[in-house]
Amino acid sequence: MVPETYEALATLDAQCGRIFREHPFYDAPDIVPALRRLIRTDEFRRATDLL
């Protein structure tokens, strides 16, 4: 049982590694404008006592 389980996990690990290496890298979204909009909201200011 152990050799079969090891072999199955090793195969799965190799497949996952191959997928990860072949996956394209995407540019991160620019979250600064969204954070600035959030900080300007009354809800954020109330939650952080910035009034």
N, C-alpha and C. Protein backbone atom coordinates (compact mmCIF):
# COMPACT_ATOMS: atom_id res chain seq x y z
N MET A 1 0.82 -1.19 0.00
CA MET A 1 0.00 0.00 0.00
C MET A 1 0.87 1.26 0.00
N VAL A 2 1.90 1.29 0.81
CA VAL A 2 2.74 2.48 0.91
C VAL A 2 3.43 2.81 -0.42
N PRO A 3 4.03 1.85 -1.13
CA PRO A 3 4.66 2.20 -2.41
C PRO A 3 3.67 2.78 -3.41
N GLU A 4 2.44 2.25 -3.45
CA GLU A 4 1.44 2.77 -4.39
C GLU A 4 1.04 4.19 -4.01
N THR A 5 0.88 4.43 -2.72
CA THR A 5 0.51 5.77 -2.25
C THR A 5 1.62 6.76 -2.55
N TYR A 6 2.85 6.36 -2.28
CA TYR A 6 3.99 7.23 -2.58
C TYR A 6 4.05 7.56 -4.06
N GLU A 7 3.89 6.54 -4.88
CA GLU A 7 3.95 6.74 -6.33
C GLU A 7 2.84 7.68 -6.81
N ALA A 8 1.65 7.52 -6.26
CA ALA A 8 0.52 8.38 -6.63
C ALA A 8 0.80 9.84 -6.23
N LEU A 9 1.31 10.03 -5.02
CA LEU A 9 1.62 11.39 -4.56
C LEU A 9 2.78 11.99 -5.35
N ALA A 10 3.77 11.21 -5.67
CA ALA A 10 4.90 11.71 -6.46
C ALA A 10 4.44 12.12 -7.85
N THR A 11 3.57 11.34 -8.46
CA THR A 11 3.04 11.67 -9.78
C THR A 11 2.22 12.95 -9.73
N LEU A 12 1.36 13.05 -8.73
CA LEU A 12 0.55 14.26 -8.57
C LEU A 12 1.42 15.48 -8.34
N ASP A 13 2.44 15.34 -7.51
CA ASP A 13 3.35 16.45 -7.23
C ASP A 13 4.07 16.89 -8.50
N ALA A 14 4.51 15.95 -9.30
CA ALA A 14 5.18 16.28 -10.56
C ALA A 14 4.24 16.99 -11.52
N GLN A 15 3.00 16.55 -11.60
CA GLN A 15 2.03 17.19 -12.48
C GLN A 15 1.73 18.61 -12.01
N CYS A 16 1.55 18.79 -10.72
CA CYS A 16 1.28 20.14 -10.18
C CYS A 16 2.47 21.06 -10.43
N GLY A 17 3.68 20.55 -10.26
CA GLY A 17 4.87 21.35 -10.52
C GLY A 17 4.97 21.76 -11.97
N ARG A 18 4.64 20.86 -12.86
CA ARG A 18 4.67 21.17 -14.30
C ARG A 18 3.65 22.25 -14.63
N ILE A 19 2.45 22.14 -14.10
CA ILE A 19 1.42 23.16 -14.34
C ILE A 19 1.86 24.51 -13.81
N PHE A 20 2.43 24.53 -12.60
CA PHE A 20 2.88 25.79 -12.00
C PHE A 20 3.98 26.43 -12.85
N ARG A 21 4.94 25.63 -13.30
CA ARG A 21 6.04 26.19 -14.09
C ARG A 21 5.57 26.70 -15.44
N GLU A 22 4.54 26.11 -16.02
CA GLU A 22 4.07 26.52 -17.34
C GLU A 22 3.03 27.64 -17.28
N HIS A 23 2.56 27.97 -16.09
CA HIS A 23 1.52 28.99 -15.95
C HIS A 23 2.12 30.37 -16.17
N PRO A 24 1.46 31.20 -16.97
CA PRO A 24 2.00 32.54 -17.22
C PRO A 24 1.88 33.42 -15.96
N PHE A 25 2.77 34.35 -15.85
CA PHE A 25 2.71 35.31 -14.76
C PHE A 25 1.90 36.51 -15.22
N TYR A 26 0.98 36.93 -14.41
CA TYR A 26 0.14 38.07 -14.74
C TYR A 26 0.60 39.29 -13.94
N ASP A 27 0.41 40.46 -14.52
CA ASP A 27 0.71 41.69 -13.80
C ASP A 27 -0.28 41.85 -12.66
N ALA A 28 0.22 42.32 -11.54
CA ALA A 28 -0.65 42.56 -10.39
C ALA A 28 -1.54 43.77 -10.67
N PRO A 29 -2.77 43.73 -10.19
CA PRO A 29 -3.64 44.89 -10.40
C PRO A 29 -3.15 46.07 -9.57
N ASP A 30 -3.43 47.26 -10.06
CA ASP A 30 -3.07 48.48 -9.33
C ASP A 30 -4.18 48.75 -8.31
N ILE A 31 -3.93 48.45 -7.06
CA ILE A 31 -4.97 48.59 -6.04
C ILE A 31 -4.94 49.95 -5.35
N VAL A 32 -3.97 50.80 -5.66
CA VAL A 32 -3.86 52.10 -5.00
C VAL A 32 -5.12 52.94 -5.20
N PRO A 33 -5.66 53.08 -6.42
CA PRO A 33 -6.88 53.87 -6.57
C PRO A 33 -8.05 53.32 -5.74
N ALA A 34 -8.18 52.01 -5.69
CA ALA A 34 -9.27 51.41 -4.91
C ALA A 34 -9.08 51.69 -3.42
N LEU A 35 -7.86 51.62 -2.94
CA LEU A 35 -7.60 51.92 -1.53
C LEU A 35 -7.88 53.39 -1.22
N ARG A 36 -7.52 54.27 -2.12
CA ARG A 36 -7.80 55.71 -1.91
C ARG A 36 -9.30 55.97 -1.85
N ARG A 37 -10.07 55.31 -2.72
CA ARG A 37 -11.53 55.46 -2.68
C ARG A 37 -12.08 54.93 -1.36
N LEU A 38 -11.57 53.81 -0.90
CA LEU A 38 -12.01 53.23 0.35
C LEU A 38 -11.73 54.16 1.52
N ILE A 39 -10.54 54.72 1.56
CA ILE A 39 -10.15 55.59 2.68
C ILE A 39 -11.02 56.84 2.73
N ARG A 40 -11.50 57.30 1.59
CA ARG A 40 -12.34 58.51 1.55
C ARG A 40 -13.78 58.27 2.01
N THR A 41 -14.19 57.03 2.17
CA THR A 41 -15.58 56.77 2.54
C THR A 41 -15.83 57.06 4.02
N ASP A 42 -17.06 57.48 4.30
CA ASP A 42 -17.45 57.74 5.69
C ASP A 42 -17.40 56.46 6.52
N GLU A 43 -17.76 55.35 5.92
CA GLU A 43 -17.74 54.08 6.65
C GLU A 43 -16.34 53.74 7.14
N PHE A 44 -15.35 53.94 6.29
CA PHE A 44 -13.97 53.66 6.68
C PHE A 44 -13.53 54.59 7.79
N ARG A 45 -13.87 55.88 7.65
CA ARG A 45 -13.47 56.85 8.67
C ARG A 45 -14.14 56.55 10.00
N ARG A 46 -15.40 56.14 9.97
CA ARG A 46 -16.06 55.77 11.23
C ARG A 46 -15.42 54.53 11.83
N ALA A 47 -15.11 53.56 11.02
CA ALA A 47 -14.53 52.32 11.51
C ALA A 47 -13.13 52.54 12.10
N THR A 48 -12.42 53.56 11.61
CA THR A 48 -11.07 53.80 12.08
C THR A 48 -10.96 55.05 12.94
N ASP A 49 -12.11 55.66 13.27
CA ASP A 49 -12.15 56.88 14.12
C ASP A 49 -11.28 58.00 13.56
N LEU A 50 -11.38 58.25 12.26
CA LEU A 50 -10.61 59.32 11.63
C LEU A 50 -11.44 60.58 11.40
N LEU A 51 -12.59 60.70 12.00
CA LEU A 51 -13.45 61.89 11.80
C LEU A 51 -12.97 63.06 12.58
